[in-house]
Amino acid sequence: MTFLIGVLKTGLALFSILALIDVAGILLIWMLRRVIRHVTLANDYLTAIRSARAHQRFVNRQQQLTDE
């Protein structure tokens, strides 16, 4: 009987460790997805700024050519 209790305790301990590893893995994947999403949004924002600046340079150049 004592052996059976020991086996059950060991099994429960192993199951608990595996469950914690699983939860940690899920949290890590979730955090990585958030980081990737934020990096993507930041990249899109910077691309929009560069595009707006390029467009403004184009408009300014067209205005200069028109003024000449």
Protein backbone atom coordinates (compact mmCIF):
# COMPACT_ATOMS: atom_id res chain seq x y z
CA MET A 1 0.00 0.00 0.00
CA THR A 2 2.83 2.39 0.86
CA PHE A 3 4.46 1.61 -2.48
CA LEU A 4 1.24 2.45 -4.31
CA ILE A 5 0.97 5.79 -2.48
CA GLY A 6 4.58 6.57 -3.37
CA VAL A 7 3.95 5.77 -7.03
CA LEU A 8 0.85 7.97 -7.04
CA LYS A 9 2.71 10.86 -5.40
CA THR A 10 5.56 10.54 -7.90
CA GLY A 11 3.12 10.41 -10.79
CA LEU A 12 1.26 13.43 -9.49
CA ALA A 13 4.52 15.34 -9.07
CA LEU A 14 5.60 14.50 -12.63
CA PHE A 15 2.18 15.45 -13.97
CA SER A 16 2.33 18.79 -12.10
CA ILE A 17 5.78 19.55 -13.52
CA LEU A 18 4.62 18.73 -17.05
CA ALA A 19 1.52 20.88 -16.58
CA LEU A 20 3.70 23.82 -15.44
CA ILE A 21 6.00 23.37 -18.43
CA ASP A 22 2.96 23.31 -20.71
CA VAL A 23 1.54 26.50 -19.20
CA ALA A 24 4.95 28.18 -19.43
CA GLY A 25 5.17 27.19 -23.09
CA ILE A 26 1.73 28.59 -23.82
CA LEU A 27 2.62 31.86 -22.08
CA LEU A 28 5.91 32.08 -23.97
CA ILE A 29 4.16 31.58 -27.32
CA TRP A 30 1.54 34.18 -26.39
CA MET A 31 4.24 36.70 -25.41
CA LEU A 32 6.19 36.06 -28.61
CA ARG A 33 3.04 36.60 -30.69
CA ARG A 34 2.45 39.94 -28.92
CA VAL A 35 6.06 41.01 -29.50
CA ILE A 36 5.85 40.07 -33.18
CA ARG A 37 2.56 41.98 -33.52
CA HIS A 38 4.03 45.09 -31.89
CA VAL A 39 7.15 44.92 -34.05
CA THR A 40 4.96 44.55 -37.15
CA LEU A 41 2.83 47.54 -36.13
CA ALA A 42 5.94 49.63 -35.47
CA ASN A 43 7.35 48.64 -38.85
CA ASP A 44 4.07 49.56 -40.57
CA TYR A 45 4.09 52.92 -38.76
CA LEU A 46 7.66 53.67 -39.84
CA THR A 47 6.84 52.65 -43.41
CA ALA A 48 3.87 55.02 -43.42
CA ILE A 49 6.07 57.86 -42.15
CA ARG A 50 8.70 57.19 -44.84
CA SER A 51 6.01 57.03 -47.50
CA ALA A 52 4.49 60.32 -46.34
CA ARG A 53 7.90 61.98 -46.35
CA ALA A 54 8.68 60.66 -49.83
CA HIS A 55 5.32 61.91 -51.05
CA GLN A 56 5.96 65.31 -49.50
CA ARG A 57 9.36 65.51 -51.22
CA PHE A 58 7.67 64.62 -54.51
CA VAL A 59 5.02 67.31 -54.01
CA ASN A 60 7.69 69.88 -53.09
CA ARG A 61 9.74 68.98 -56.16
CA GLN A 62 6.68 69.26 -58.41
CA GLN A 63 5.93 72.65 -56.86
CA GLN A 64 9.52 73.81 -57.48
CA LEU A 65 9.32 72.67 -61.12
CA THR A 66 6.00 74.47 -61.53
CA ASP A 67 7.39 77.68 -59.99
CA GLU A 68 10.40 77.74 -62.32
